[in-house]
Amino acid sequence: MVDRIESYKDVAQEMVESTAKRVGTIATIITGAVAGVAKEIGELVTDGFELRDAVRQARLDRENSTATIIDPDE
């Protein structure tokens, strides 16, 4: 027969193991969430850079355009 102290030790060991597994699972969930947020923020910043570059290019195109009207009858 298992005495009381050994029984308590077994219960305590199960609780520690269960807690460690749950904490590990929670940490994995949080890690995935943080990585997902970081990825979305990075993509948002990239979109901003692309928009900025498009605006700069549009300005350059407008400044450098030499719009000449060509008369097709000439």
PDB file of N, CA and C in Angstrom:
ATOM      1  N   MET A   1       0.835  -1.190   0.000  1.00  0.00           N
ATOM      2  CA  MET A   1       0.000   0.000   0.000  1.00  0.00           C
ATOM      3  C   MET A   1       0.886   1.264   0.000  1.00  0.00           C
ATOM      4  N   VAL A   2       0.465   2.218  -0.779  1.00  0.00           N
ATOM      5  CA  VAL A   2       1.202   3.464  -0.891  1.00  0.00           C
ATOM      6  C   VAL A   2       0.863   4.334   0.316  1.00  0.00           C
ATOM      7  N   ASP A   3       1.900   4.815   0.983  1.00  0.00           N
ATOM      8  CA  ASP A   3       1.609   5.662   2.149  1.00  0.00           C
ATOM      9  C   ASP A   3       1.229   7.071   1.724  1.00  0.00           C
ATOM     10  N   ARG A   4       0.770   7.853   2.668  1.00  0.00           N
ATOM     11  CA  ARG A   4       0.248   9.194   2.401  1.00  0.00           C
ATOM     12  C   ARG A   4       1.269  10.118   1.758  1.00  0.00           C
ATOM     13  N   ILE A   5       2.477  10.117   2.227  1.00  0.00           N
ATOM     14  CA  ILE A   5       3.500  11.024   1.708  1.00  0.00           C
ATOM     15  C   ILE A   5       3.765  10.722   0.240  1.00  0.00           C
ATOM     16  N   GLU A   6       3.859   9.429  -0.095  1.00  0.00           N
ATOM     17  CA  GLU A   6       4.101   9.071  -1.495  1.00  0.00           C
ATOM     18  C   GLU A   6       2.915   9.452  -2.365  1.00  0.00           C
ATOM     19  N   SER A   7       1.729   9.326  -1.856  1.00  0.00           N
ATOM     20  CA  SER A   7       0.524   9.708  -2.583  1.00  0.00           C
ATOM     21  C   SER A   7       0.522  11.212  -2.855  1.00  0.00           C
ATOM     22  N   TYR A   8       0.857  12.012  -1.851  1.00  0.00           N
ATOM     23  CA  TYR A   8       0.932  13.468  -2.023  1.00  0.00           C
ATOM     24  C   TYR A   8       2.024  13.840  -3.035  1.00  0.00           C
ATOM     25  N   LYS A   9       3.137  13.113  -2.950  1.00  0.00           N
ATOM     26  CA  LYS A   9       4.230  13.359  -3.900  1.00  0.00           C
ATOM     27  C   LYS A   9       3.759  13.095  -5.325  1.00  0.00           C
ATOM     28  N   ASP A  10       3.019  12.015  -5.525  1.00  0.00           N
ATOM     29  CA  ASP A  10       2.510  11.691  -6.864  1.00  0.00           C
ATOM     30  C   ASP A  10       1.547  12.767  -7.368  1.00  0.00           C
ATOM     31  N   VAL A  11       0.680  13.247  -6.501  1.00  0.00           N
ATOM     32  CA  VAL A  11      -0.264  14.293  -6.884  1.00  0.00           C
ATOM     33  C   VAL A  11       0.497  15.584  -7.230  1.00  0.00           C
ATOM     34  N   ALA A  12       1.465  15.934  -6.393  1.00  0.00           N
ATOM     35  CA  ALA A  12       2.252  17.139  -6.634  1.00  0.00           C
ATOM     36  C   ALA A  12       3.015  17.018  -7.958  1.00  0.00           C
ATOM     37  N   GLN A  13       3.577  15.849  -8.224  1.00  0.00           N
ATOM     38  CA  GLN A  13       4.311  15.638  -9.463  1.00  0.00           C
ATOM     39  C   GLN A  13       3.386  15.779 -10.665  1.00  0.00           C
ATOM     40  N   GLU A  14       2.208  15.209 -10.614  1.00  0.00           N
ATOM     41  CA  GLU A  14       1.233  15.334 -11.702  1.00  0.00           C
ATOM     42  C   GLU A  14       0.843  16.792 -11.932  1.00  0.00           C
ATOM     43  N   MET A  15       0.644  17.525 -10.851  1.00  0.00           N
ATOM     44  CA  MET A  15       0.269  18.941 -10.968  1.00  0.00           C
ATOM     45  C   MET A  15       1.387  19.755 -11.611  1.00  0.00           C
ATOM     46  N   VAL A  16       2.620  19.495 -11.208  1.00  0.00           N
ATOM     47  CA  VAL A  16       3.750  20.226 -11.778  1.00  0.00           C
ATOM     48  C   VAL A  16       3.891  19.896 -13.259  1.00  0.00           C
ATOM     49  N   GLU A  17       3.778  18.623 -13.620  1.00  0.00           N
ATOM     50  CA  GLU A  17       3.883  18.225 -15.023  1.00  0.00           C
ATOM     51  C   GLU A  17       2.758  18.844 -15.854  1.00  0.00           C
ATOM     52  N   SER A  18       1.547  18.792 -15.334  1.00  0.00           N
ATOM     53  CA  SER A  18       0.399  19.354 -16.047  1.00  0.00           C
ATOM     54  C   SER A  18       0.561  20.864 -16.230  1.00  0.00           C
ATOM     55  N   THR A  19       0.980  21.526 -15.170  1.00  0.00           N
ATOM     56  CA  THR A  19       1.192  22.975 -15.237  1.00  0.00           C
ATOM     57  C   THR A  19       2.274  23.319 -16.253  1.00  0.00           C
ATOM     58  N   ALA A  20       3.365  22.570 -16.260  1.00  0.00           N
ATOM     59  CA  ALA A  20       4.453  22.829 -17.202  1.00  0.00           C
ATOM     60  C   ALA A  20       3.963  22.667 -18.638  1.00  0.00           C
ATOM     61  N   LYS A  21       3.178  21.633 -18.887  1.00  0.00           N
ATOM     62  CA  LYS A  21       2.651  21.424 -20.241  1.00  0.00           C
ATOM     63  C   LYS A  21       1.721  22.560 -20.645  1.00  0.00           C
ATOM     64  N   ARG A  22       0.860  22.993 -19.745  1.00  0.00           N
ATOM     65  CA  ARG A  22      -0.080  24.075 -20.055  1.00  0.00           C
ATOM     66  C   ARG A  22       0.664  25.388 -20.298  1.00  0.00           C
ATOM     67  N   VAL A  23       1.649  25.674 -19.469  1.00  0.00           N
ATOM     68  CA  VAL A  23       2.436  26.894 -19.653  1.00  0.00           C
ATOM     69  C   VAL A  23       3.161  26.850 -21.001  1.00  0.00           C
ATOM     70  N   GLY A  24       3.680  25.680 -21.359  1.00  0.00           N
ATOM     71  CA  GLY A  24       4.345  25.533 -22.657  1.00  0.00           C
ATOM     72  C   GLY A  24       3.381  25.779 -23.806  1.00  0.00           C
ATOM     73  N   THR A  25       2.182  25.247 -23.697  1.00  0.00           N
ATOM     74  CA  THR A  25       1.171  25.450 -24.732  1.00  0.00           C
ATOM     75  C   THR A  25       0.796  26.929 -24.845  1.00  0.00           C
ATOM     76  N   ILE A  26       0.603  27.565 -23.705  1.00  0.00           N
ATOM     77  CA  ILE A  26       0.269  28.996 -23.700  1.00  0.00           C
ATOM     78  C   ILE A  26       1.401  29.813 -24.301  1.00  0.00           C
ATOM     79  N   ALA A  27       2.640  29.472 -23.963  1.00  0.00           N
ATOM     80  CA  ALA A  27       3.794  30.191 -24.517  1.00  0.00           C
ATOM     81  C   ALA A  27       3.851  30.035 -26.037  1.00  0.00           C
ATOM     82  N   THR A  28       3.528  28.836 -26.518  1.00  0.00           N
ATOM     83  CA  THR A  28       3.523  28.599 -27.966  1.00  0.00           C
ATOM     84  C   THR A  28       2.453  29.454 -28.641  1.00  0.00           C
ATOM     85  N   ILE A  29       1.290  29.534 -28.029  1.00  0.00           N
ATOM     86  CA  ILE A  29       0.203  30.359 -28.576  1.00  0.00           C
ATOM     87  C   ILE A  29       0.622  31.830 -28.619  1.00  0.00           C
ATOM     88  N   ILE A  30       1.203  32.299 -27.542  1.00  0.00           N
ATOM     89  CA  ILE A  30       1.616  33.708 -27.472  1.00  0.00           C
ATOM     90  C   ILE A  30       2.720  33.986 -28.488  1.00  0.00           C
ATOM     91  N   THR A  31       3.673  33.063 -28.604  1.00  0.00           N
ATOM     92  CA  THR A  31       4.757  33.237 -29.566  1.00  0.00           C
ATOM     93  C   THR A  31       4.211  33.345 -30.988  1.00  0.00           C
ATOM     94  N   GLY A  32       3.260  32.474 -31.323  1.00  0.00           N
ATOM     95  CA  GLY A  32       2.651  32.525 -32.649  1.00  0.00           C
ATOM     96  C   GLY A  32       1.911  33.827 -32.886  1.00  0.00           C
ATOM     97  N   ALA A  33       1.217  34.298 -31.854  1.00  0.00           N
ATOM     98  CA  ALA A  33       0.473  35.547 -31.993  1.00  0.00           C
ATOM     99  C   ALA A  33       1.416  36.731 -32.184  1.00  0.00           C
ATOM    100  N   VAL A  34       2.476  36.772 -31.408  1.00  0.00           N
ATOM    101  CA  VAL A  34       3.442  37.872 -31.529  1.00  0.00           C
ATOM    102  C   VAL A  34       4.091  37.851 -32.911  1.00  0.00           C
ATOM    103  N   ALA A  35       4.441  36.664 -33.382  1.00  0.00           N
ATOM    104  CA  ALA A  35       5.039  36.555 -34.714  1.00  0.00           C
ATOM    105  C   ALA A  35       4.056  37.022 -35.795  1.00  0.00           C
ATOM    106  N   GLY A  36       2.790  36.657 -35.650  1.00  0.00           N
ATOM    107  CA  GLY A  36       1.774  37.086 -36.617  1.00  0.00           C
ATOM    108  C   GLY A  36       1.594  38.593 -36.625  1.00  0.00           C
ATOM    109  N   VAL A  37       1.575  39.194 -35.446  1.00  0.00           N
ATOM    110  CA  VAL A  37       1.436  40.652 -35.350  1.00  0.00           C
ATOM    111  C   VAL A  37       2.650  41.339 -35.971  1.00  0.00           C
ATOM    112  N   ALA A  38       3.840  40.824 -35.675  1.00  0.00           N
ATOM    113  CA  ALA A  38       5.058  41.417 -36.234  1.00  0.00           C
ATOM    114  C   ALA A  38       5.042  41.344 -37.758  1.00  0.00           C
ATOM    115  N   LYS A  39       4.580  40.217 -38.292  1.00  0.00           N
ATOM    116  CA  LYS A  39       4.511  40.064 -39.747  1.00  0.00           C
ATOM    117  C   LYS A  39       3.548  41.079 -40.354  1.00  0.00           C
ATOM    118  N   GLU A  40       2.380  41.238 -39.751  1.00  0.00           N
ATOM    119  CA  GLU A  40       1.392  42.186 -40.269  1.00  0.00           C
ATOM    120  C   GLU A  40       1.903  43.617 -40.202  1.00  0.00           C
ATOM    121  N   ILE A  41       2.578  43.967 -39.116  1.00  0.00           N
ATOM    122  CA  ILE A  41       3.138  45.316 -38.992  1.00  0.00           C
ATOM    123  C   ILE A  41       4.205  45.533 -40.066  1.00  0.00           C
ATOM    124  N   GLY A  42       5.042  44.531 -40.291  1.00  0.00           N
ATOM    125  CA  GLY A  42       6.062  44.632 -41.328  1.00  0.00           C
ATOM    126  C   GLY A  42       5.456  44.836 -42.703  1.00  0.00           C
ATOM    127  N   GLU A  43       4.378  44.104 -42.998  1.00  0.00           N
ATOM    128  CA  GLU A  43       3.721  44.256 -44.292  1.00  0.00           C
ATOM    129  C   GLU A  43       3.064  45.628 -44.429  1.00  0.00           C
ATOM    130  N   LEU A  44       2.526  46.142 -43.333  1.00  0.00           N
ATOM    131  CA  LEU A  44       1.942  47.480 -43.348  1.00  0.00           C
ATOM    132  C   LEU A  44       3.002  48.530 -43.659  1.00  0.00           C
ATOM    133  N   VAL A  45       4.159  48.411 -43.012  1.00  0.00           N
ATOM    134  CA  VAL A  45       5.248  49.360 -43.259  1.00  0.00           C
ATOM    135  C   VAL A  45       5.729  49.249 -44.709  1.00  0.00           C
ATOM    136  N   THR A  46       5.829  48.023 -45.211  1.00  0.00           N
ATOM    137  CA  THR A  46       6.227  47.820 -46.612  1.00  0.00           C
ATOM    138  C   THR A  46       5.230  48.492 -47.553  1.00  0.00           C
ATOM    139  N   ASP A  47       3.941  48.348 -47.272  1.00  0.00           N
ATOM    140  CA  ASP A  47       2.926  49.027 -48.085  1.00  0.00           C
ATOM    141  C   ASP A  47       3.134  50.534 -48.069  1.00  0.00           C
ATOM    142  N   GLY A  48       3.464  51.072 -46.907  1.00  0.00           N
ATOM    143  CA  GLY A  48       3.720  52.506 -46.797  1.00  0.00           C
ATOM    144  C   GLY A  48       4.902  52.935 -47.654  1.00  0.00           C
ATOM    145  N   PHE A  49       5.984  52.137 -47.629  1.00  0.00           N
ATOM    146  CA  PHE A  49       7.147  52.444 -48.459  1.00  0.00           C
ATOM    147  C   PHE A  49       6.777  52.410 -49.942  1.00  0.00           C
ATOM    148  N   GLU A  50       6.006  51.411 -50.339  1.00  0.00           N
ATOM    149  CA  GLU A  50       5.611  51.300 -51.742  1.00  0.00           C
ATOM    150  C   GLU A  50       4.747  52.477 -52.177  1.00  0.00           C
ATOM    151  N   LEU A  51       3.840  52.903 -51.307  1.00  0.00           N
ATOM    152  CA  LEU A  51       3.008  54.064 -51.627  1.00  0.00           C
ATOM    153  C   LEU A  51       3.853  55.327 -51.729  1.00  0.00           C
ATOM    154  N   ARG A  52       4.787  55.483 -50.809  1.00  0.00           N
ATOM    155  CA  ARG A  52       5.683  56.646 -50.849  1.00  0.00           C
ATOM    156  C   ARG A  52       6.472  56.672 -52.156  1.00  0.00           C
ATOM    157  N   ASP A  53       7.007  55.519 -52.543  1.00  0.00           N
ATOM    158  CA  ASP A  53       7.772  55.442 -53.791  1.00  0.00           C
ATOM    159  C   ASP A  53       6.897  55.748 -55.005  1.00  0.00           C
ATOM    160  N   ALA A  54       5.655  55.281 -54.976  1.00  0.00           N
ATOM    161  CA  ALA A  54       4.743  55.547 -56.097  1.00  0.00           C
ATOM    162  C   ALA A  54       4.440  57.042 -56.199  1.00  0.00           C
ATOM    163  N   VAL A  55       4.253  57.689 -55.062  1.00  0.00           N
ATOM    164  CA  VAL A  55       3.996  59.138 -55.072  1.00  0.00           C
ATOM    165  C   VAL A  55       5.223  59.883 -55.605  1.00  0.00           C
ATOM    166  N   ARG A  56       6.417  59.475 -55.165  1.00  0.00           N
ATOM    167  CA  ARG A  56       7.638  60.124 -55.658  1.00  0.00           C
ATOM    168  C   ARG A  56       7.771  59.949 -57.169  1.00  0.00           C
ATOM    169  N   GLN A  57       7.494  58.740 -57.643  1.00  0.00           N
ATOM    170  CA  GLN A  57       7.615  58.481 -59.079  1.00  0.00           C
ATOM    171  C   GLN A  57       6.594  59.284 -59.863  1.00  0.00           C
ATOM    172  N   ALA A  58       5.389  59.403 -59.335  1.00  0.00           N
ATOM    173  CA  ALA A  58       4.357  60.195 -60.020  1.00  0.00           C
ATOM    174  C   ALA A  58       4.775  61.656 -60.104  1.00  0.00           C
ATOM    175  N   ARG A  59       5.373  62.169 -59.030  1.00  0.00           N
ATOM    176  CA  ARG A  59       5.848  63.560 -59.048  1.00  0.00           C
ATOM    177  C   ARG A  59       6.956  63.736 -60.086  1.00  0.00           C
ATOM    178  N   LEU A  60       7.892  62.803 -60.105  1.00  0.00           N
ATOM    179  CA  LEU A  60       8.978  62.882 -61.089  1.00  0.00           C
ATOM    180  C   LEU A  60       8.430  62.808 -62.505  1.00  0.00           C
ATOM    181  N   ASP A  61       7.501  61.914 -62.726  1.00  0.00           N
ATOM    182  CA  ASP A  61       6.903  61.784 -64.059  1.00  0.00           C
ATOM    183  C   ASP A  61       6.210  63.073 -64.468  1.00  0.00           C
ATOM    184  N   ARG A  62       5.496  63.687 -63.528  1.00  0.00           N
ATOM    185  CA  ARG A  62       4.783  64.924 -63.826  1.00  0.00           C
ATOM    186  C   ARG A  62       5.766  66.067 -64.097  1.00  0.00           C
ATOM    187  N   GLU A  63       6.836  66.145 -63.311  1.00  0.00           N
ATOM    188  CA  GLU A  63       7.832  67.203 -63.487  1.00  0.00           C
ATOM    189  C   GLU A  63       8.628  67.030 -64.779  1.00  0.00           C
ATOM    190  N   ASN A  64       8.867  65.801 -65.177  1.00  0.00           N
ATOM    191  CA  ASN A  64       9.703  65.529 -66.352  1.00  0.00           C
ATOM    192  C   ASN A  64       8.903  65.323 -67.624  1.00  0.00           C
ATOM    193  N   SER A  65       7.615  65.435 -67.525  1.00  0.00           N
ATOM    194  CA  SER A  65       6.824  65.196 -68.743  1.00  0.00           C
ATOM    195  C   SER A  65       6.972  66.392 -69.672  1.00  0.00           C
ATOM    196  N   THR A  66       7.159  66.079 -70.900  1.00  0.00           N
ATOM    197  CA  THR A  66       7.246  67.117 -71.930  1.00  0.00           C
ATOM    198  C   THR A  66       6.062  66.884 -72.850  1.00  0.00           C
ATOM    199  N   ALA A  67       4.942  67.214 -72.317  1.00  0.00           N
ATOM    200  CA  ALA A  67       3.706  66.984 -73.071  1.00  0.00           C
ATOM    201  C   ALA A  67       3.694  67.870 -74.294  1.00  0.00           C
ATOM    202  N   THR A  68       3.797  67.254 -75.422  1.00  0.00           N
ATOM    203  CA  THR A  68       3.763  67.963 -76.689  1.00  0.00           C
ATOM    204  C   THR A  68       2.559  67.472 -77.465  1.00  0.00           C
ATOM    205  N   ILE A  69       1.790  68.408 -77.921  1.00  0.00           N
ATOM    206  CA  ILE A  69       0.623  68.025 -78.723  1.00  0.00           C
ATOM    207  C   ILE A  69       1.080  67.902 -80.159  1.00  0.00           C
ATOM    208  N   ILE A  70       0.878  66.750 -80.682  1.00  0.00           N
ATOM    209  CA  ILE A  70       1.266  66.491 -82.077  1.00  0.00           C
ATOM    210  C   ILE A  70       0.028  66.535 -82.932  1.00  0.00           C
ATOM    211  N   ASP A  71       0.136  67.367 -83.960  1.00  0.00           N
ATOM    212  CA  ASP A  71      -0.976  67.490 -84.908  1.00  0.00           C
ATOM    213  C   ASP A  71      -0.818  66.389 -85.935  1.00  0.00           C
ATOM    214  N   PRO A  72      -1.745  65.457 -86.013  1.00  0.00           N
ATOM    215  CA  PRO A  72      -1.611  64.359 -86.963  1.00  0.00           C
ATOM    216  C   PRO A  72      -1.721  64.811 -88.420  1.00  0.00           C
ATOM    217  N   ASP A  73      -2.220  66.012 -88.668  1.00  0.00           N
ATOM    218  CA  ASP A  73      -2.354  66.490 -90.038  1.00  0.00           C
ATOM    219  C   ASP A  73      -1.052  67.062 -90.577  1.00  0.00           C
ATOM    220  N   GLU A  74      -0.074  67.276 -89.727  1.00  0.00           N
ATOM    221  CA  GLU A  74       1.180  67.883 -90.192  1.00  0.00           C
ATOM    222  C   GLU A  74       2.116  66.852 -90.725  1.00  0.00           C
TER     223      GLU A  74
END
